[in-house]
Amino acid sequence: MRDPIATISQSSKFRCGADIVWGVITDPDTYKDWYGWPEHASLISLNRDIRMGTRLLFRNFTSSKIVTEYEEGVHLAFSDEMVAESFTITEDSVGCELTIQIDLYSTRSPIADKLDANALEMLRGIKEISYAREAVRATQVRKVTPGDSKFRKFIMEDPEFPGDEGADSLPDLTPRRAVLGIVMTVILMLVLVFTEGIPYSHIIPSSGRSVYYSDKITPDHIQNIRFDWTRDMLETELDCVGYDTGIRRQYVYYSSEVDNDSSPVGILYVTYDAYDVVRRYAYVDTIRSRQGLSTGIKSLDGLSGRMTVSDVTSYMTEAPSGYVVNRSGAKTVFYGILNANDHSVFSSSLHAELNIKLNSSSGTKSYAYYWRNGSDNPLYDMPRTARGQETTASEYLNDRYAYENVFLLIDKKPVECTILLGSGISTAEDERIYRVRNPQGTEDYYRYEYNINFSQGRASTVVFTNIKLASNTHDVLNEVALDHLYDAKDLKDVESILGILPSRVACDLDRCILFYGTVQDDGRYPLEIEISRSFLKVSSITINSQEPIETETAEAENS
């Protein structure tokens, strides 16, 4: 048995059942929220059950891990050649205790110098998810104690008038019982007020709607939040109280302004530390977060890591969809479609169409674009035909991200294209070629090529080629149900039916042509599908040298 170079162990007590914690660490869908360092890693498992001998694959990890120890509800361990990690649960009087042990076998591991931090981060994430599940469980079942029954009987019934006239009659409520009931209700309300730790005057918020709503949940007021404020101070400033999300020390506050669906326009999320002091907060504009990225954004060159969110808003000349601000000085500002909720708003993997990351402590800045229609496709969901092109999930995802860049590049400036693709080569006036290697770094050639033409300083056409897919022998037509393909209405239908990525894409402001299969001697591809760029609707399908076959969608658009 190998001897580890280093071993660390971290433990934490959980105020919930051991079965809930076990459920979290054996649920593949939760790993993206707590496993990995510094970014959480999505678990891509060959089967949905984690048990002895299961091979675990993680997105962007070069090696797989094997479950080496498994005791139902108590102990789980998995490892690769560099690191072994184990999770042990013991029950106690409060709930349970989780111990994470990490054994290091190679200094080449990316977590070699941060084992303790990794374990603590995993404990924190597991605890947040466990407490959220415990809160959901608590709301599903409400127990009625003997004391509850006696209280109801004492208030509602009179011994002298049992009220037995029939099932449809109501028990008599005597004046004595009614007065006593009112007094006890008032006492209960006062107890609740003082246990919340806020003055009674602030139970009625400025909005007058509800204790959780306030007309001060706006960017103007939120930018004044300080990290030395306690929850009591913040809620006094906001004139409302926070709703406990069930995630550890995380509260949510709603704006009194509502949209057409009577939903709050602004939502504020705040996480407090162990001393009940503000640790981080996030704001989401629910209207802007449903709108696409504005074409009014012309440049990001003037951003600075020391800017505040208000500074970014002024520079961009428009408000963001949302933002996250941490006590450490790190800020993330989102523009475009943003799907955030209680569990995802503070996740490092949350992104909109444009993410701007700034850090006032280090002065650093970065920004990245994301295609709104993009999505990860784990190995267990990959169509069989896709596995004929890409041998691993990470290879498939790299190819998919490279292909999705085509949709992002249109209408971008050369400097923004360089941000996405790296340095390019000028081949002619207003034309550049970008060649990009496979991020896995296992190939000795450029795998992706982007040929971009610019008009008035913006990308007007993009031709993308995946060199491997275009040169690999792959008989697309024999593997596709053509009758189903003709019924495809949009890009989503095409991807579902074909199950593979295009070898080549040509795109301009109005349309995209997707080329599938191996390029032939005459330069053509076995299958060509044209879609509209704005709505991703299928316009035509061409097989080999046949004439384009107009689809019902194209006919409807033409009419």
Protein backbone atom coordinates (compact mmCIF):
# COMPACT_ATOMS: atom_id res chain seq x y z
CA MET A 1 0.00 0.00 0.00
CA ARG A 2 1.33 3.44 -0.90
CA ASP A 3 2.36 5.86 1.85
CA PRO A 4 0.98 9.38 1.33
CA ILE A 5 3.29 12.37 1.14
CA ALA A 6 0.89 14.40 3.27
CA THR A 7 -2.41 13.80 5.06
CA ILE A 8 -4.93 16.30 6.43
CA SER A 9 -8.27 15.83 8.16
CA GLN A 10 -11.06 18.35 8.73
CA SER A 11 -14.34 17.79 10.60
CA SER A 12 -17.54 19.75 11.11
CA LYS A 13 -20.77 19.15 13.01
CA PHE A 14 -24.05 19.24 11.10
CA ARG A 15 -27.42 20.17 12.62
CA CYS A 16 -29.24 17.65 10.43
CA GLY A 17 -29.59 13.91 10.02
CA ALA A 18 -26.75 11.72 8.81
CA ASP A 19 -29.01 10.42 6.03
CA ILE A 20 -29.24 13.92 4.52
CA VAL A 21 -25.44 14.39 4.51
CA TRP A 22 -24.96 10.92 3.00
CA GLY A 23 -27.52 11.78 0.36
CA VAL A 24 -25.52 14.87 -0.63
CA ILE A 25 -22.11 13.20 -0.99
CA THR A 26 -23.59 10.33 -3.03
CA ASP A 27 -25.68 12.57 -5.33
CA PRO A 28 -23.71 13.25 -8.56
CA ASP A 29 -25.78 16.37 -9.27
CA THR A 30 -24.49 18.14 -6.13
CA TYR A 31 -20.75 17.80 -6.85
CA LYS A 32 -20.73 20.88 -9.07
CA ASP A 33 -21.65 22.93 -5.96
CA TRP A 34 -19.10 21.62 -3.45
CA TYR A 35 -16.38 19.35 -4.93
CA GLY A 36 -13.08 20.55 -6.37
CA TRP A 37 -10.66 23.44 -5.92
CA PRO A 38 -10.67 26.31 -6.72
CA GLU A 39 -13.56 25.82 -9.15
CA HIS A 40 -16.20 23.22 -8.40
CA ALA A 41 -16.19 20.26 -10.77
CA SER A 42 -19.23 18.65 -12.37
CA LEU A 43 -19.31 14.90 -11.77
CA ILE A 44 -19.66 12.93 -14.99
CA SER A 45 -20.32 9.36 -13.89
CA LEU A 46 -20.66 6.35 -16.17
CA ASN A 47 -23.76 5.39 -14.19
CA ARG A 48 -26.00 7.29 -11.83
CA ASP A 49 -25.23 5.20 -8.74
CA ILE A 50 -22.13 5.77 -6.63
CA ARG A 51 -21.04 2.47 -5.11
CA MET A 52 -17.96 0.27 -4.66
CA GLY A 53 -15.90 0.21 -7.85
CA THR A 54 -17.73 3.08 -9.57
CA ARG A 55 -15.53 5.05 -11.92
CA LEU A 56 -16.00 8.80 -11.42
CA LEU A 57 -15.19 11.27 -14.18
CA PHE A 58 -15.04 15.00 -13.56
CA ARG A 59 -15.29 17.71 -16.15
CA ASN A 60 -11.84 19.11 -17.05
CA PHE A 61 -10.07 16.47 -14.92
CA THR A 62 -7.44 14.52 -16.85
CA SER A 63 -7.87 11.33 -14.82
CA SER A 64 -10.80 9.41 -13.39
CA LYS A 65 -11.31 8.41 -9.77
CA ILE A 66 -12.38 5.00 -8.46
CA VAL A 67 -14.59 4.39 -5.41
CA THR A 68 -12.35 2.22 -3.21
CA GLU A 69 -14.36 2.16 0.06
CA TYR A 70 -18.11 2.22 0.49
CA GLU A 71 -20.21 1.63 3.61
CA GLU A 72 -23.83 2.69 3.19
CA GLY A 73 -24.63 5.82 5.20
CA VAL A 74 -21.25 5.90 6.94
CA HIS A 75 -18.14 5.97 4.76
CA LEU A 76 -17.17 6.81 1.16
CA ALA A 77 -13.66 7.01 -0.35
CA PHE A 78 -12.35 7.46 -3.89
CA SER A 79 -8.92 8.13 -5.35
CA ASP A 80 -6.69 8.45 -8.40
CA GLU A 81 -2.92 8.23 -8.70
CA MET A 82 -2.34 11.62 -7.02
CA VAL A 83 -5.01 12.10 -4.33
CA ALA A 84 -7.29 9.98 -2.15
CA GLU A 85 -10.32 11.51 -0.45
CA SER A 86 -12.57 9.95 2.17
CA PHE A 87 -15.81 11.07 3.83
CA THR A 88 -16.88 9.59 7.18
CA ILE A 89 -20.16 10.36 8.96
CA THR A 90 -20.76 9.76 12.67
CA GLU A 91 -24.03 10.52 14.44
CA ASP A 92 -24.16 12.61 17.63
CA SER A 93 -26.76 14.20 19.89
CA VAL A 94 -27.13 17.31 17.70
CA GLY A 95 -27.19 15.64 14.30
CA CYS A 96 -24.01 14.23 12.88
CA GLU A 97 -20.37 15.00 12.20
CA LEU A 98 -18.64 14.76 8.82
CA THR A 99 -14.89 14.16 8.59
CA ILE A 100 -13.03 14.67 5.33
CA GLN A 101 -9.55 13.19 4.98
CA ILE A 102 -7.28 13.94 2.03
CA ASP A 103 -4.13 11.88 1.33
CA LEU A 104 -1.63 13.38 -1.12
CA TYR A 105 0.52 11.00 -3.19
CA SER A 106 2.01 13.40 -5.74
CA THR A 107 3.15 17.02 -5.63
CA ARG A 108 1.83 17.38 -9.18
CA SER A 109 -1.71 17.50 -7.85
CA PRO A 110 -3.36 20.93 -8.34
CA ILE A 111 -4.40 20.89 -4.67
CA ALA A 112 -0.99 19.89 -3.31
CA ASP A 113 -0.48 23.23 -1.55
CA LYS A 114 -4.08 23.78 -0.45
CA LEU A 115 -5.31 20.54 1.10
CA ASP A 116 -6.80 22.18 4.20
CA ALA A 117 -8.54 24.87 2.20
CA ASN A 118 -9.95 22.24 -0.13
CA ALA A 119 -11.37 20.19 2.72
CA LEU A 120 -12.88 23.24 4.42
CA GLU A 121 -14.45 24.43 1.17
CA MET A 122 -16.00 20.99 0.62
CA LEU A 123 -17.37 20.94 4.18
CA ARG A 124 -18.88 24.39 3.66
CA GLY A 125 -20.55 23.41 0.41
CA ILE A 126 -21.89 20.09 1.73
CA LYS A 127 -23.29 21.86 4.77
CA GLU A 128 -25.14 24.48 2.69
CA ILE A 129 -26.80 21.82 0.53
CA SER A 130 -27.61 19.62 3.54
CA TYR A 131 -29.25 22.47 5.44
CA ALA A 132 -31.27 23.42 2.37
CA ARG A 133 -32.55 19.84 2.11
CA GLU A 134 -33.27 19.76 5.85
CA ALA A 135 -35.36 22.93 5.48
CA VAL A 136 -37.36 21.40 2.64
CA ARG A 137 -37.98 18.27 4.69
CA ALA A 138 -39.14 20.34 7.69
CA THR A 139 -41.77 22.14 5.63
CA GLN A 140 -43.20 18.92 4.23
CA VAL A 141 -44.34 17.49 7.57
CA ARG A 142 -45.85 19.51 10.42
CA LYS A 143 -46.17 17.56 13.65
CA VAL A 144 -49.04 18.30 16.05
CA THR A 145 -47.92 17.80 19.65
CA PRO A 146 -50.20 16.94 22.58
CA GLY A 147 -49.67 20.49 23.78
CA ASP A 148 -51.10 21.81 20.51
CA SER A 149 -54.25 19.74 20.96
CA LYS A 150 -54.71 20.88 24.56
CA PHE A 151 -54.20 24.52 23.53
CA ARG A 152 -56.87 24.25 20.82
CA LYS A 153 -59.29 22.56 23.17
CA PHE A 154 -58.67 25.11 25.92
CA ILE A 155 -59.32 28.06 23.61
CA MET A 156 -62.17 26.69 21.50
CA GLU A 157 -64.19 24.53 23.86
CA ASP A 158 -66.19 25.18 27.05
CA PRO A 159 -66.73 22.23 29.42
CA GLU A 160 -70.30 23.26 30.01
CA PHE A 161 -71.11 23.54 26.30
CA PRO A 162 -69.41 20.63 24.50
CA GLY A 163 -71.01 21.55 21.16
CA ASP A 164 -72.17 18.04 20.23
CA GLU A 165 -75.11 19.07 18.04
CA GLY A 166 -73.58 17.42 14.99
CA ALA A 167 -70.62 17.36 12.66
CA ASP A 168 -71.69 20.56 10.93
CA SER A 169 -71.88 22.65 14.10
CA LEU A 170 -69.02 24.72 15.47
CA PRO A 171 -67.86 24.61 19.10
CA ASP A 172 -69.01 27.54 21.22
CA LEU A 173 -66.48 30.28 21.81
CA THR A 174 -67.24 31.90 25.16
CA PRO A 175 -66.15 35.49 25.92
CA ARG A 176 -63.70 34.20 28.53
CA ARG A 177 -62.00 31.93 26.02
CA ALA A 178 -62.01 34.60 23.32
CA VAL A 179 -60.32 37.18 25.54
CA LEU A 180 -57.75 34.65 26.71
CA GLY A 181 -57.05 33.66 23.11
CA ILE A 182 -56.45 37.28 22.08
CA VAL A 183 -54.11 37.87 25.02
CA MET A 184 -52.06 34.76 24.25
CA THR A 185 -51.86 35.67 20.55
CA VAL A 186 -50.51 39.14 21.42
CA ILE A 187 -47.94 37.60 23.76
CA LEU A 188 -46.84 35.19 21.04
CA MET A 189 -46.38 38.03 18.54
CA LEU A 190 -44.28 40.03 21.02
CA VAL A 191 -42.08 37.00 21.68
CA LEU A 192 -41.48 36.55 17.95
CA VAL A 193 -40.60 40.22 17.53
CA PHE A 194 -38.04 40.30 20.31
CA THR A 195 -36.46 36.98 19.36
CA GLU A 196 -35.79 38.38 15.88
CA GLY A 197 -33.75 41.08 17.56
CA ILE A 198 -35.27 44.07 15.75
CA PRO A 199 -37.48 46.90 17.03
CA TYR A 200 -41.22 46.47 16.56
CA SER A 201 -41.38 49.63 14.43
CA HIS A 202 -39.36 47.95 11.71
CA ILE A 203 -41.76 45.02 11.35
CA ILE A 204 -43.85 47.36 9.19
CA PRO A 205 -41.48 48.03 6.25
CA SER A 206 -41.34 51.14 4.14
CA SER A 207 -43.24 49.39 1.37
CA GLY A 208 -46.13 48.40 3.62
CA ARG A 209 -46.45 45.08 1.70
CA SER A 210 -44.83 42.45 3.90
CA VAL A 211 -41.99 42.13 6.36
CA TYR A 212 -39.82 40.67 3.56
CA TYR A 213 -40.43 43.51 1.05
CA SER A 214 -39.07 47.05 0.99
CA ASP A 215 -38.83 49.95 -1.43
CA LYS A 216 -35.17 50.21 -0.43
CA ILE A 217 -34.14 47.02 -2.25
CA THR A 218 -32.65 49.03 -5.11
CA PRO A 219 -29.08 49.43 -6.42
CA ASP A 220 -28.87 52.95 -4.95
CA HIS A 221 -29.46 51.69 -1.42
CA ILE A 222 -27.59 48.40 -1.81
CA GLN A 223 -24.35 50.10 -2.85
CA ASN A 224 -24.21 51.58 0.68
CA ILE A 225 -24.01 48.16 2.35
CA ARG A 226 -20.92 47.84 4.54
CA PHE A 227 -19.17 44.65 5.56
CA ASP A 228 -19.01 45.68 9.22
CA TRP A 229 -22.81 45.78 9.50
CA THR A 230 -24.64 43.16 11.52
CA ARG A 231 -27.86 41.63 10.25
CA ASP A 232 -29.81 43.81 12.69
CA MET A 233 -28.13 46.97 11.34
CA LEU A 234 -28.70 45.99 7.69
CA GLU A 235 -32.35 45.11 8.21
CA THR A 236 -32.93 48.35 10.08
CA GLU A 237 -31.40 50.22 7.15
CA LEU A 238 -33.58 48.32 4.66
CA ASP A 239 -36.79 48.60 6.73
CA CYS A 240 -37.55 44.90 6.33
CA VAL A 241 -36.45 41.52 7.63
CA GLY A 242 -34.77 38.73 5.71
CA TYR A 243 -36.30 35.44 4.70
CA ASP A 244 -34.14 32.50 5.80
CA THR A 245 -33.45 30.46 2.65
CA GLY A 246 -32.46 27.38 4.61
CA ILE A 247 -28.90 27.70 3.33
CA ARG A 248 -26.57 28.39 6.22
CA ARG A 249 -26.71 32.06 7.26
CA GLN A 250 -28.17 33.14 3.90
CA TYR A 251 -31.15 35.50 3.80
CA VAL A 252 -33.11 37.01 0.94
CA TYR A 253 -34.86 40.40 0.72
CA TYR A 254 -37.40 41.47 -1.91
CA SER A 255 -38.16 44.83 -3.49
CA SER A 256 -41.68 46.22 -3.17
CA GLU A 257 -41.57 47.15 -6.87
CA VAL A 258 -43.06 44.30 -8.91
CA ASP A 259 -43.21 43.39 -12.60
CA ASN A 260 -46.24 42.40 -14.67
CA ASP A 261 -46.30 38.98 -13.00
CA SER A 262 -46.40 40.58 -9.53
CA SER A 263 -42.87 39.28 -8.90
CA PRO A 264 -40.31 41.51 -7.19
CA VAL A 265 -38.12 43.48 -9.59
CA GLY A 266 -35.10 43.36 -7.28
CA ILE A 267 -33.85 40.54 -5.05
CA LEU A 268 -31.05 40.93 -2.51
CA TYR A 269 -29.21 37.88 -1.14
CA VAL A 270 -26.98 38.27 1.93
CA THR A 271 -24.74 35.72 3.64
CA TYR A 272 -23.64 36.47 7.21
CA ASP A 273 -20.63 35.07 9.04
CA ALA A 274 -20.60 33.30 12.41
CA TYR A 275 -20.78 36.69 14.17
CA ASP A 276 -23.89 37.67 12.17
CA VAL A 277 -21.90 40.27 10.20
CA VAL A 278 -22.29 40.74 6.43
CA ARG A 279 -19.92 38.40 4.58
CA ARG A 280 -21.11 38.79 0.96
CA TYR A 281 -24.19 39.91 -0.92
CA ALA A 282 -25.73 39.58 -4.36
CA TYR A 283 -28.37 41.58 -6.20
CA VAL A 284 -30.47 40.35 -9.13
CA ASP A 285 -32.59 42.58 -11.37
CA THR A 286 -35.28 40.07 -12.38
CA ILE A 287 -36.36 42.10 -15.43
CA ARG A 288 -32.90 42.68 -16.90
CA SER A 289 -31.85 39.11 -16.12
CA ARG A 290 -34.46 37.88 -18.60
CA GLN A 291 -33.24 40.19 -21.37
CA GLY A 292 -30.45 39.51 -23.85
CA LEU A 293 -27.06 41.18 -23.87
CA SER A 294 -27.38 44.78 -25.04
CA THR A 295 -25.76 45.74 -28.33
CA GLY A 296 -25.04 49.09 -26.72
CA ILE A 297 -21.96 47.60 -25.01
CA LYS A 298 -19.14 48.81 -27.25
CA SER A 299 -15.95 48.37 -25.23
CA LEU A 300 -14.60 46.86 -22.01
CA ASP A 301 -11.10 48.29 -22.34
CA GLY A 302 -11.59 50.96 -19.65
CA LEU A 303 -12.58 48.64 -16.82
CA SER A 304 -10.45 48.59 -13.70
CA GLY A 305 -10.19 46.02 -10.93
CA ARG A 306 -10.73 48.74 -8.33
CA MET A 307 -14.06 49.87 -9.76
CA THR A 308 -17.22 49.52 -7.70
CA VAL A 309 -20.41 48.11 -9.17
CA SER A 310 -21.67 51.67 -9.45
CA ASP A 311 -18.51 52.61 -11.38
CA VAL A 312 -19.07 49.69 -13.78
CA THR A 313 -22.69 50.75 -14.31
CA SER A 314 -21.59 54.29 -15.14
CA TYR A 315 -18.87 53.08 -17.50
CA MET A 316 -21.18 50.63 -19.30
CA THR A 317 -23.94 53.30 -19.36
CA GLU A 318 -26.52 50.70 -18.32
CA ALA A 319 -27.40 48.68 -15.23
CA PRO A 320 -26.32 45.02 -15.01
CA SER A 321 -28.56 41.96 -14.68
CA GLY A 322 -27.03 41.29 -11.28
CA TYR A 323 -23.81 41.21 -9.30
CA VAL A 324 -22.03 39.51 -6.41
CA VAL A 325 -19.77 41.37 -3.97
CA ASN A 326 -17.53 39.62 -1.43
CA ARG A 327 -15.84 40.93 1.67
CA SER A 328 -12.46 40.00 0.12
CA GLY A 329 -12.89 42.69 -2.55
CA ALA A 330 -13.91 40.32 -5.35
CA LYS A 331 -16.84 41.40 -7.50
CA THR A 332 -18.65 39.73 -10.40
CA VAL A 333 -20.99 41.83 -12.53
CA PHE A 334 -23.41 40.08 -14.91
CA TYR A 335 -24.90 41.39 -18.17
CA GLY A 336 -27.48 39.53 -20.28
CA ILE A 337 -29.51 36.41 -19.49
CA LEU A 338 -28.92 35.36 -15.86
CA ASN A 339 -30.63 32.36 -14.26
CA ALA A 340 -29.91 32.76 -10.55
CA ASN A 341 -31.68 31.34 -7.51
CA ASP A 342 -31.07 30.79 -3.80
CA HIS A 343 -28.67 27.90 -4.43
CA SER A 344 -26.78 29.26 -7.44
CA VAL A 345 -26.40 32.99 -6.84
CA PHE A 346 -23.09 32.61 -4.96
CA SER A 347 -21.83 29.68 -7.04
CA SER A 348 -18.52 30.27 -8.82
CA SER A 349 -19.98 28.60 -11.92
CA LEU A 350 -22.86 31.09 -12.28
CA HIS A 351 -22.56 33.10 -15.47
CA ALA A 352 -24.59 35.36 -17.73
CA GLU A 353 -23.88 36.22 -21.36
CA LEU A 354 -21.12 38.55 -20.16
CA ASN A 355 -19.26 38.12 -16.86
CA ILE A 356 -17.06 40.94 -15.58
CA LYS A 357 -14.80 39.94 -12.67
CA LEU A 358 -13.03 42.64 -10.68
CA ASN A 359 -10.97 42.52 -7.50
CA SER A 360 -10.35 45.72 -5.58
CA SER A 361 -7.75 44.05 -3.33
CA SER A 362 -5.47 42.80 -6.12
CA GLY A 363 -6.55 45.30 -8.77
CA THR A 364 -7.11 42.49 -11.29
CA LYS A 365 -9.87 42.35 -13.90
CA SER A 366 -11.18 39.80 -16.39
CA TYR A 367 -14.25 39.25 -18.48
CA ALA A 368 -15.71 36.45 -20.58
CA TYR A 369 -18.61 35.93 -22.95
CA TYR A 370 -20.94 32.93 -22.87
CA TRP A 371 -23.44 31.79 -25.47
CA ARG A 372 -26.90 31.89 -23.89
CA ASN A 373 -28.05 28.68 -25.60
CA GLY A 374 -25.00 26.67 -24.64
CA SER A 375 -25.16 23.75 -22.22
CA ASP A 376 -22.91 21.03 -20.91
CA ASN A 377 -23.59 17.51 -22.14
CA PRO A 378 -22.23 14.96 -19.62
CA LEU A 379 -20.89 11.66 -20.86
CA TYR A 380 -23.88 9.64 -19.69
CA ASP A 381 -26.16 11.89 -21.79
CA MET A 382 -23.98 11.90 -24.91
CA PRO A 383 -25.66 10.28 -27.93
CA ARG A 384 -24.02 7.11 -29.18
CA THR A 385 -22.98 8.76 -32.45
CA ALA A 386 -21.14 11.49 -30.56
CA ARG A 387 -18.95 8.90 -28.90
CA GLY A 388 -17.75 7.93 -32.37
CA GLN A 389 -16.31 11.43 -32.75
CA GLU A 390 -15.12 12.24 -29.24
CA THR A 391 -13.68 9.55 -27.00
CA THR A 392 -14.19 11.41 -23.71
CA ALA A 393 -16.67 13.88 -22.30
CA SER A 394 -14.00 16.55 -21.88
CA GLU A 395 -13.07 16.25 -25.56
CA TYR A 396 -16.72 16.62 -26.54
CA LEU A 397 -17.14 19.67 -24.30
CA ASN A 398 -14.01 21.34 -25.68
CA ASP A 399 -15.32 20.82 -29.23
CA ARG A 400 -18.71 22.14 -28.23
CA TYR A 401 -17.32 25.31 -26.62
CA ALA A 402 -15.16 25.94 -29.70
CA TYR A 403 -18.23 25.55 -31.95
CA GLU A 404 -20.42 27.80 -29.76
CA ASN A 405 -17.82 30.57 -30.02
CA VAL A 406 -19.02 31.12 -33.59
CA PHE A 407 -22.30 32.53 -32.30
CA LEU A 408 -20.45 34.79 -29.87
CA LEU A 409 -17.97 36.21 -32.37
CA ILE A 410 -20.48 37.77 -34.75
CA ASP A 411 -20.61 41.58 -34.34
CA LYS A 412 -17.61 41.59 -31.97
CA LYS A 413 -14.62 43.94 -32.34
CA PRO A 414 -11.15 42.50 -33.10
CA VAL A 415 -10.04 43.07 -29.49
CA GLU A 416 -13.04 41.12 -28.22
CA CYS A 417 -12.34 38.28 -30.67
CA THR A 418 -8.79 38.18 -29.35
CA ILE A 419 -10.13 37.85 -25.81
CA LEU A 420 -12.13 34.79 -26.86
CA LEU A 421 -9.59 33.13 -29.18
CA GLY A 422 -6.12 34.50 -28.48
CA SER A 423 -3.86 36.26 -30.97
CA GLY A 424 -4.76 35.96 -34.64
CA ILE A 425 -2.99 36.42 -37.96
CA SER A 426 -3.89 39.26 -40.33
CA THR A 427 -4.18 37.79 -43.83
CA ALA A 428 -5.74 40.80 -45.56
CA GLU A 429 -7.42 44.07 -44.78
CA ASP A 430 -10.33 43.46 -42.39
CA GLU A 431 -9.62 39.72 -42.25
CA ARG A 432 -7.99 37.63 -39.54
CA ILE A 433 -7.40 33.92 -38.98
CA TYR A 434 -7.31 32.46 -35.49
CA ARG A 435 -5.93 28.98 -34.91
CA VAL A 436 -6.62 27.37 -31.53
CA ARG A 437 -5.23 24.18 -30.01
CA ASN A 438 -7.21 21.61 -28.08
CA PRO A 439 -7.18 22.76 -24.41
CA GLN A 440 -6.23 19.22 -23.38
CA GLY A 441 -2.88 19.79 -25.09
CA THR A 442 -2.54 16.23 -26.44
CA GLU A 443 -2.41 17.14 -30.14
CA ASP A 444 0.53 18.48 -32.14
CA TYR A 445 -1.65 20.53 -34.51
CA TYR A 446 -4.18 23.36 -34.30
CA ARG A 447 -7.57 21.71 -33.90
CA TYR A 448 -9.84 24.72 -34.45
CA GLU A 449 -9.61 27.45 -37.08
CA TYR A 450 -11.67 30.65 -37.24
CA ASN A 451 -11.57 32.82 -40.35
CA ILE A 452 -13.20 36.15 -39.54
CA ASN A 453 -14.04 39.06 -41.82
CA PHE A 454 -14.65 42.47 -40.29
CA SER A 455 -16.90 45.22 -41.60
CA GLN A 456 -16.71 48.68 -40.02
CA GLY A 457 -14.64 47.26 -37.19
CA ARG A 458 -16.98 44.38 -36.31
CA ALA A 459 -17.06 40.70 -37.22
CA SER A 460 -19.52 40.26 -40.11
CA THR A 461 -18.75 36.66 -41.14
CA VAL A 462 -17.12 33.76 -39.31
CA VAL A 463 -16.04 30.43 -40.82
CA PHE A 464 -15.11 27.82 -38.21
CA THR A 465 -13.53 24.41 -38.89
CA ASN A 466 -12.91 21.57 -36.45
CA ILE A 467 -9.91 19.97 -38.18
CA LYS A 468 -10.30 16.59 -36.48
CA LEU A 469 -14.01 16.18 -37.14
CA ALA A 470 -13.64 17.36 -40.75
CA SER A 471 -10.87 14.83 -41.47
CA ASN A 472 -12.11 11.82 -39.46
CA THR A 473 -13.92 9.18 -41.47
CA HIS A 474 -17.48 9.30 -40.19
CA ASP A 475 -20.49 8.19 -42.24
CA VAL A 476 -23.11 10.65 -41.02
CA LEU A 477 -25.90 9.71 -43.44
CA ASN A 478 -25.96 6.04 -42.49
CA GLU A 479 -26.37 6.91 -38.81
CA VAL A 480 -29.16 9.48 -39.08
CA ALA A 481 -32.90 8.91 -39.38
CA LEU A 482 -33.40 11.28 -42.31
CA ASP A 483 -37.19 11.19 -42.00
CA HIS A 484 -36.85 12.60 -38.50
CA LEU A 485 -34.29 15.14 -39.62
CA TYR A 486 -36.71 16.64 -42.13
CA ASP A 487 -39.09 17.29 -39.23
CA ALA A 488 -36.50 19.36 -37.33
CA LYS A 489 -37.74 22.89 -36.64
CA ASP A 490 -34.77 24.47 -34.91
CA LEU A 491 -31.18 23.90 -33.83
CA LYS A 492 -32.23 22.04 -30.69
CA ASP A 493 -34.13 19.50 -32.79
CA VAL A 494 -31.13 19.09 -35.11
CA GLU A 495 -28.73 18.43 -32.24
CA SER A 496 -31.12 15.95 -30.66
CA ILE A 497 -31.59 13.98 -33.90
CA LEU A 498 -27.98 14.02 -35.13
CA GLY A 499 -26.26 13.62 -31.78
CA ILE A 500 -22.99 15.02 -33.20
CA LEU A 501 -21.33 18.39 -33.61
CA PRO A 502 -20.75 20.06 -37.00
CA SER A 503 -17.32 19.77 -38.60
CA ARG A 504 -17.58 23.24 -40.10
CA VAL A 505 -19.76 26.34 -39.56
CA ALA A 506 -20.19 29.43 -41.74
CA CYS A 507 -22.06 32.28 -40.09
CA ASP A 508 -22.97 35.88 -40.83
CA LEU A 509 -25.34 38.38 -39.23
CA ASP A 510 -28.45 36.65 -40.55
CA ARG A 511 -27.79 32.93 -40.98
CA CYS A 512 -25.52 30.00 -40.17
CA ILE A 513 -24.75 26.93 -42.26
CA LEU A 514 -23.72 23.80 -40.36
CA PHE A 515 -21.62 21.20 -42.23
CA TYR A 516 -21.57 17.64 -40.87
CA GLY A 517 -19.31 14.67 -41.53
CA THR A 518 -16.02 14.23 -43.40
CA VAL A 519 -15.06 16.74 -46.06
CA GLN A 520 -15.13 15.12 -49.51
CA ASP A 521 -12.72 15.45 -52.44
CA ASP A 522 -14.82 18.21 -54.00
CA GLY A 523 -14.75 20.20 -50.75
CA ARG A 524 -18.36 19.47 -49.90
CA TYR A 525 -19.76 17.80 -46.78
CA PRO A 526 -22.32 14.96 -46.70
CA LEU A 527 -24.87 17.07 -44.84
CA GLU A 528 -25.52 20.81 -44.73
CA ILE A 529 -28.17 22.49 -42.57
CA GLU A 530 -28.95 26.20 -42.73
CA ILE A 531 -30.48 27.99 -39.74
CA SER A 532 -31.40 31.59 -38.96
CA ARG A 533 -28.93 33.15 -36.53
CA SER A 534 -31.49 35.16 -34.56
CA PHE A 535 -34.06 32.44 -33.86
CA LEU A 536 -32.02 29.29 -34.66
CA LYS A 537 -34.85 28.02 -36.89
CA VAL A 538 -34.05 25.51 -39.66
CA SER A 539 -34.26 27.05 -43.15
CA SER A 540 -33.02 24.26 -45.42
CA ILE A 541 -31.36 20.83 -45.47
CA THR A 542 -28.95 19.68 -48.19
CA ILE A 543 -27.72 16.11 -48.58
CA ASN A 544 -24.56 15.69 -50.69
CA SER A 545 -25.19 17.41 -54.03
CA GLN A 546 -28.98 17.40 -53.81
CA GLU A 547 -30.94 20.60 -54.06
CA PRO A 548 -31.91 22.22 -50.75
CA ILE A 549 -35.02 20.73 -49.19
CA GLU A 550 -37.25 23.52 -47.88
CA THR A 551 -38.72 22.82 -44.47
CA GLU A 552 -42.10 23.87 -43.12
CA THR A 553 -40.36 26.43 -40.91
CA ALA A 554 -38.62 28.03 -43.88
CA GLU A 555 -41.87 28.14 -45.85
CA ALA A 556 -43.64 29.82 -42.93
CA GLU A 557 -40.86 32.41 -42.59
CA ASN A 558 -40.88 33.13 -46.34
CA SER A 559 -44.64 33.61 -46.32
